[in-house]
Amino acid sequence: MFSLRVRVLRAVFALIPALMLTLAVPLINRVEPHVFGLPFLLAWIVLWLLLTPLFLYAIYRMEGRT
């Protein structure tokens, strides 16, 4: 059985990418600056699409499976 602290931490880790891809978009909806030739919004979405598996892997590691 997982402690409450670990369950909350796993839930937070699961919510961060979803929140960054939905709620943060209106705040960072800018054309300038360009990041690697992409508008900032598109670079933001690509960044979080690449970071999401890292968050999911962290959740998997918190489960304690070997």
PDB file of N, CA and C in Angstrom:
ATOM      1  N   MET A   1       0.840  -1.184   0.000  1.00  0.00           N
ATOM      2  CA  MET A   1       0.000   0.000   0.000  1.00  0.00           C
ATOM      3  C   MET A   1       0.878   1.237   0.000  1.00  0.00           C
ATOM      4  N   PHE A   2       0.533   2.168  -0.838  1.00  0.00           N
ATOM      5  CA  PHE A   2       1.327   3.383  -0.939  1.00  0.00           C
ATOM      6  C   PHE A   2       0.879   4.383   0.108  1.00  0.00           C
ATOM      7  N   SER A   3       1.840   5.135   0.580  1.00  0.00           N
ATOM      8  CA  SER A   3       1.503   6.167   1.545  1.00  0.00           C
ATOM      9  C   SER A   3       0.757   7.292   0.836  1.00  0.00           C
ATOM     10  N   LEU A   4       0.096   8.087   1.611  1.00  0.00           N
ATOM     11  CA  LEU A   4      -0.662   9.212   1.060  1.00  0.00           C
ATOM     12  C   LEU A   4       0.256  10.180   0.334  1.00  0.00           C
ATOM     13  N   ARG A   5       1.439  10.388   0.874  1.00  0.00           N
ATOM     14  CA  ARG A   5       2.397  11.323   0.267  1.00  0.00           C
ATOM     15  C   ARG A   5       2.783  10.868  -1.143  1.00  0.00           C
ATOM     16  N   VAL A   6       3.041   9.584  -1.316  1.00  0.00           N
ATOM     17  CA  VAL A   6       3.430   9.057  -2.628  1.00  0.00           C
ATOM     18  C   VAL A   6       2.265   9.136  -3.599  1.00  0.00           C
ATOM     19  N   ARG A   7       1.059   8.833  -3.138  1.00  0.00           N
ATOM     20  CA  ARG A   7      -0.114   8.910  -4.024  1.00  0.00           C
ATOM     21  C   ARG A   7      -0.365  10.340  -4.485  1.00  0.00           C
ATOM     22  N   VAL A   8      -0.216  11.298  -3.576  1.00  0.00           N
ATOM     23  CA  VAL A   8      -0.406  12.705  -3.951  1.00  0.00           C
ATOM     24  C   VAL A   8       0.675  13.135  -4.929  1.00  0.00           C
ATOM     25  N   LEU A   9       1.913  12.745  -4.671  1.00  0.00           N
ATOM     26  CA  LEU A   9       3.016  13.102  -5.560  1.00  0.00           C
ATOM     27  C   LEU A   9       2.803  12.507  -6.950  1.00  0.00           C
ATOM     28  N   ARG A  10       2.332  11.276  -7.018  1.00  0.00           N
ATOM     29  CA  ARG A  10       2.040  10.673  -8.316  1.00  0.00           C
ATOM     30  C   ARG A  10       0.932  11.420  -9.044  1.00  0.00           C
ATOM     31  N   ALA A  11      -0.093  11.841  -8.321  1.00  0.00           N
ATOM     32  CA  ALA A  11      -1.185  12.593  -8.946  1.00  0.00           C
ATOM     33  C   ALA A  11      -0.695  13.941  -9.461  1.00  0.00           C
ATOM     34  N   VAL A  12       0.148  14.591  -8.701  1.00  0.00           N
ATOM     35  CA  VAL A  12       0.701  15.885  -9.128  1.00  0.00           C
ATOM     36  C   VAL A  12       1.553  15.699 -10.376  1.00  0.00           C
ATOM     37  N   PHE A  13       2.388  14.655 -10.384  1.00  0.00           N
ATOM     38  CA  PHE A  13       3.227  14.394 -11.558  1.00  0.00           C
ATOM     39  C   PHE A  13       2.372  14.081 -12.789  1.00  0.00           C
ATOM     40  N   ALA A  14       1.239  13.455 -12.599  1.00  0.00           N
ATOM     41  CA  ALA A  14       0.357  13.149 -13.725  1.00  0.00           C
ATOM     42  C   ALA A  14      -0.356  14.402 -14.226  1.00  0.00           C
ATOM     43  N   LEU A  15      -0.645  15.322 -13.334  1.00  0.00           N
ATOM     44  CA  LEU A  15      -1.385  16.530 -13.715  1.00  0.00           C
ATOM     45  C   LEU A  15      -0.515  17.598 -14.364  1.00  0.00           C
ATOM     46  N   ILE A  16       0.759  17.658 -14.024  1.00  0.00           N
ATOM     47  CA  ILE A  16       1.615  18.731 -14.530  1.00  0.00           C
ATOM     48  C   ILE A  16       1.622  18.800 -16.058  1.00  0.00           C
ATOM     49  N   PRO A  17       1.914  17.711 -16.784  1.00  0.00           N
ATOM     50  CA  PRO A  17       1.905  17.829 -18.252  1.00  0.00           C
ATOM     51  C   PRO A  17       0.542  18.224 -18.814  1.00  0.00           C
ATOM     52  N   ALA A  18      -0.515  17.662 -18.252  1.00  0.00           N
ATOM     53  CA  ALA A  18      -1.852  17.994 -18.755  1.00  0.00           C
ATOM     54  C   ALA A  18      -2.162  19.470 -18.546  1.00  0.00           C
ATOM     55  N   LEU A  19      -1.801  19.992 -17.387  1.00  0.00           N
ATOM     56  CA  LEU A  19      -2.054  21.407 -17.117  1.00  0.00           C
ATOM     57  C   LEU A  19      -1.199  22.313 -17.997  1.00  0.00           C
ATOM     58  N   MET A  20       0.033  21.918 -18.207  1.00  0.00           N
ATOM     59  CA  MET A  20       0.916  22.738 -19.040  1.00  0.00           C
ATOM     60  C   MET A  20       0.470  22.757 -20.499  1.00  0.00           C
ATOM     61  N   LEU A  21      -0.163  21.681 -20.942  1.00  0.00           N
ATOM     62  CA  LEU A  21      -0.624  21.629 -22.332  1.00  0.00           C
ATOM     63  C   LEU A  21      -2.001  22.248 -22.525  1.00  0.00           C
ATOM     64  N   THR A  22      -2.746  22.480 -21.448  1.00  0.00           N
ATOM     65  CA  THR A  22      -4.089  23.037 -21.603  1.00  0.00           C
ATOM     66  C   THR A  22      -4.212  24.425 -20.979  1.00  0.00           C
ATOM     67  N   LEU A  23      -3.949  24.549 -19.708  1.00  0.00           N
ATOM     68  CA  LEU A  23      -4.192  25.811 -19.020  1.00  0.00           C
ATOM     69  C   LEU A  23      -3.124  26.868 -19.266  1.00  0.00           C
ATOM     70  N   ALA A  24      -1.907  26.460 -19.576  1.00  0.00           N
ATOM     71  CA  ALA A  24      -0.834  27.430 -19.775  1.00  0.00           C
ATOM     72  C   ALA A  24      -0.823  28.006 -21.186  1.00  0.00           C
ATOM     73  N   VAL A  25      -1.491  27.361 -22.111  1.00  0.00           N
ATOM     74  CA  VAL A  25      -1.453  27.810 -23.508  1.00  0.00           C
ATOM     75  C   VAL A  25      -1.932  29.258 -23.679  1.00  0.00           C
ATOM     76  N   PRO A  26      -3.031  29.692 -23.072  1.00  0.00           N
ATOM     77  CA  PRO A  26      -3.420  31.096 -23.250  1.00  0.00           C
ATOM     78  C   PRO A  26      -2.388  32.081 -22.686  1.00  0.00           C
ATOM     79  N   LEU A  27      -1.635  31.646 -21.708  1.00  0.00           N
ATOM     80  CA  LEU A  27      -0.629  32.535 -21.109  1.00  0.00           C
ATOM     81  C   LEU A  27       0.622  32.665 -21.958  1.00  0.00           C
ATOM     82  N   ILE A  28       0.938  31.669 -22.730  1.00  0.00           N
ATOM     83  CA  ILE A  28       2.172  31.704 -23.517  1.00  0.00           C
ATOM     84  C   ILE A  28       1.896  31.782 -25.017  1.00  0.00           C
ATOM     85  N   ASN A  29       0.691  32.125 -25.401  1.00  0.00           N
ATOM     86  CA  ASN A  29       0.321  32.212 -26.802  1.00  0.00           C
ATOM     87  C   ASN A  29       0.962  33.442 -27.439  1.00  0.00           C
ATOM     88  N   ARG A  30       2.196  33.262 -27.896  1.00  0.00           N
ATOM     89  CA  ARG A  30       2.957  34.341 -28.518  1.00  0.00           C
ATOM     90  C   ARG A  30       3.604  33.822 -29.800  1.00  0.00           C
ATOM     91  N   VAL A  31       3.746  34.678 -30.766  1.00  0.00           N
ATOM     92  CA  VAL A  31       4.481  34.308 -31.979  1.00  0.00           C
ATOM     93  C   VAL A  31       5.972  34.516 -31.743  1.00  0.00           C
ATOM     94  N   GLU A  32       6.315  35.599 -31.101  1.00  0.00           N
ATOM     95  CA  GLU A  32       7.712  35.894 -30.774  1.00  0.00           C
ATOM     96  C   GLU A  32       7.961  35.503 -29.338  1.00  0.00           C
ATOM     97  N   PRO A  33       9.053  35.016 -28.945  1.00  0.00           N
ATOM     98  CA  PRO A  33      10.266  34.734 -29.725  1.00  0.00           C
ATOM     99  C   PRO A  33      10.144  33.408 -30.462  1.00  0.00           C
ATOM    100  N   HIS A  34      11.016  33.216 -31.411  1.00  0.00           N
ATOM    101  CA  HIS A  34      11.098  31.939 -32.110  1.00  0.00           C
ATOM    102  C   HIS A  34      12.106  31.059 -31.382  1.00  0.00           C
ATOM    103  N   VAL A  35      11.766  29.802 -31.227  1.00  0.00           N
ATOM    104  CA  VAL A  35      12.643  28.837 -30.575  1.00  0.00           C
ATOM    105  C   VAL A  35      12.947  27.753 -31.611  1.00  0.00           C
ATOM    106  N   PHE A  36      14.200  27.651 -32.018  1.00  0.00           N
ATOM    107  CA  PHE A  36      14.620  26.712 -33.062  1.00  0.00           C
ATOM    108  C   PHE A  36      13.786  26.885 -34.326  1.00  0.00           C
ATOM    109  N   GLY A  37      13.452  28.119 -34.649  1.00  0.00           N
ATOM    110  CA  GLY A  37      12.691  28.420 -35.855  1.00  0.00           C
ATOM    111  C   GLY A  37      11.195  28.211 -35.731  1.00  0.00           C
ATOM    112  N   LEU A  38      10.722  27.800 -34.560  1.00  0.00           N
ATOM    113  CA  LEU A  38       9.294  27.570 -34.351  1.00  0.00           C
ATOM    114  C   LEU A  38       8.703  28.715 -33.531  1.00  0.00           C
ATOM    115  N   PRO A  39       7.456  29.066 -33.777  1.00  0.00           N
ATOM    116  CA  PRO A  39       6.806  30.028 -32.886  1.00  0.00           C
ATOM    117  C   PRO A  39       6.799  29.479 -31.455  1.00  0.00           C
ATOM    118  N   PHE A  40       6.814  30.374 -30.492  1.00  0.00           N
ATOM    119  CA  PHE A  40       6.961  29.972 -29.097  1.00  0.00           C
ATOM    120  C   PHE A  40       5.886  28.970 -28.669  1.00  0.00           C
ATOM    121  N   LEU A  41       4.646  29.179 -29.087  1.00  0.00           N
ATOM    122  CA  LEU A  41       3.571  28.270 -28.699  1.00  0.00           C
ATOM    123  C   LEU A  41       3.826  26.854 -29.210  1.00  0.00           C
ATOM    124  N   LEU A  42       4.241  26.729 -30.444  1.00  0.00           N
ATOM    125  CA  LEU A  42       4.516  25.406 -31.003  1.00  0.00           C
ATOM    126  C   LEU A  42       5.713  24.764 -30.303  1.00  0.00           C
ATOM    127  N   ALA A  43       6.740  25.554 -29.996  1.00  0.00           N
ATOM    128  CA  ALA A  43       7.898  25.033 -29.263  1.00  0.00           C
ATOM    129  C   ALA A  43       7.477  24.568 -27.870  1.00  0.00           C
ATOM    130  N   TRP A  44       6.567  25.304 -27.228  1.00  0.00           N
ATOM    131  CA  TRP A  44       6.061  24.938 -25.898  1.00  0.00           C
ATOM    132  C   TRP A  44       5.352  23.579 -25.947  1.00  0.00           C
ATOM    133  N   ILE A  45       4.499  23.405 -26.948  1.00  0.00           N
ATOM    134  CA  ILE A  45       3.758  22.152 -27.085  1.00  0.00           C
ATOM    135  C   ILE A  45       4.705  20.990 -27.360  1.00  0.00           C
ATOM    136  N   VAL A  46       5.673  21.195 -28.244  1.00  0.00           N
ATOM    137  CA  VAL A  46       6.650  20.141 -28.541  1.00  0.00           C
ATOM    138  C   VAL A  46       7.458  19.802 -27.297  1.00  0.00           C
ATOM    139  N   LEU A  47       7.867  20.810 -26.542  1.00  0.00           N
ATOM    140  CA  LEU A  47       8.622  20.578 -25.307  1.00  0.00           C
ATOM    141  C   LEU A  47       7.842  19.690 -24.347  1.00  0.00           C
ATOM    142  N   TRP A  48       6.568  20.016 -24.128  1.00  0.00           N
ATOM    143  CA  TRP A  48       5.778  19.232 -23.181  1.00  0.00           C
ATOM    144  C   TRP A  48       5.416  17.861 -23.726  1.00  0.00           C
ATOM    145  N   LEU A  49       5.314  17.722 -25.031  1.00  0.00           N
ATOM    146  CA  LEU A  49       5.106  16.386 -25.591  1.00  0.00           C
ATOM    147  C   LEU A  49       6.332  15.517 -25.374  1.00  0.00           C
ATOM    148  N   LEU A  50       7.513  16.114 -25.376  1.00  0.00           N
ATOM    149  CA  LEU A  50       8.734  15.360 -25.111  1.00  0.00           C
ATOM    150  C   LEU A  50       8.952  15.109 -23.624  1.00  0.00           C
ATOM    151  N   LEU A  51       8.485  16.010 -22.763  1.00  0.00           N
ATOM    152  CA  LEU A  51       8.666  15.847 -21.322  1.00  0.00           C
ATOM    153  C   LEU A  51       7.644  14.913 -20.681  1.00  0.00           C
ATOM    154  N   THR A  52       6.483  14.772 -21.282  1.00  0.00           N
ATOM    155  CA  THR A  52       5.427  13.948 -20.696  1.00  0.00           C
ATOM    156  C   THR A  52       5.866  12.509 -20.413  1.00  0.00           C
ATOM    157  N   PRO A  53       6.568  11.837 -21.333  1.00  0.00           N
ATOM    158  CA  PRO A  53       7.015  10.471 -20.990  1.00  0.00           C
ATOM    159  C   PRO A  53       7.956  10.436 -19.786  1.00  0.00           C
ATOM    160  N   LEU A  54       8.735  11.487 -19.567  1.00  0.00           N
ATOM    161  CA  LEU A  54       9.601  11.522 -18.390  1.00  0.00           C
ATOM    162  C   LEU A  54       8.786  11.584 -17.103  1.00  0.00           C
ATOM    163  N   PHE A  55       7.720  12.348 -17.118  1.00  0.00           N
ATOM    164  CA  PHE A  55       6.834  12.410 -15.950  1.00  0.00           C
ATOM    165  C   PHE A  55       6.157  11.056 -15.722  1.00  0.00           C
ATOM    166  N   LEU A  56       5.711  10.423 -16.798  1.00  0.00           N
ATOM    167  CA  LEU A  56       5.071   9.118 -16.666  1.00  0.00           C
ATOM    168  C   LEU A  56       6.062   8.064 -16.180  1.00  0.00           C
ATOM    169  N   TYR A  57       7.304   8.149 -16.624  1.00  0.00           N
ATOM    170  CA  TYR A  57       8.327   7.219 -16.146  1.00  0.00           C
ATOM    171  C   TYR A  57       8.594   7.440 -14.655  1.00  0.00           C
ATOM    172  N   ALA A  58       8.599   8.683 -14.225  1.00  0.00           N
ATOM    173  CA  ALA A  58       8.792   8.971 -12.801  1.00  0.00           C
ATOM    174  C   ALA A  58       7.657   8.371 -11.979  1.00  0.00           C
ATOM    175  N   ILE A  59       6.438   8.463 -12.481  1.00  0.00           N
ATOM    176  CA  ILE A  59       5.297   7.859 -11.784  1.00  0.00           C
ATOM    177  C   ILE A  59       5.473   6.340 -11.727  1.00  0.00           C
ATOM    178  N   TYR A  60       5.889   5.758 -12.822  1.00  0.00           N
ATOM    179  CA  TYR A  60       6.119   4.310 -12.858  1.00  0.00           C
ATOM    180  C   TYR A  60       7.177   3.902 -11.840  1.00  0.00           C
ATOM    181  N   ARG A  61       8.250   4.673 -11.733  1.00  0.00           N
ATOM    182  CA  ARG A  61       9.311   4.351 -10.780  1.00  0.00           C
ATOM    183  C   ARG A  61       8.841   4.510  -9.338  1.00  0.00           C
ATOM    184  N   MET A  62       7.904   5.405  -9.096  1.00  0.00           N
ATOM    185  CA  MET A  62       7.373   5.588  -7.754  1.00  0.00           C
ATOM    186  C   MET A  62       6.511   4.406  -7.314  1.00  0.00           C
ATOM    187  N   GLU A  63       6.042   3.616  -8.259  1.00  0.00           N
ATOM    188  CA  GLU A  63       5.220   2.459  -7.909  1.00  0.00           C
ATOM    189  C   GLU A  63       6.018   1.376  -7.220  1.00  0.00           C
ATOM    190  N   GLY A  64       7.333   1.404  -7.355  1.00  0.00           N
ATOM    191  CA  GLY A  64       8.166   0.451  -6.672  1.00  0.00           C
ATOM    192  C   GLY A  64       8.306  -0.886  -7.359  1.00  0.00           C
ATOM    193  N   ARG A  65       7.965  -0.944  -8.636  1.00  0.00           N
ATOM    194  CA  ARG A  65       8.132  -2.195  -9.375  1.00  0.00           C
ATOM    195  C   ARG A  65       9.607  -2.424  -9.662  1.00  0.00           C
ATOM    196  N   THR A  66       9.998  -3.660  -9.746  1.00  0.00           N
ATOM    197  CA  THR A  66      11.396  -3.984 -10.068  1.00  0.00           C
ATOM    198  C   THR A  66      11.478  -4.737 -11.361  1.00  0.00           C
TER     199      THR A  66
END
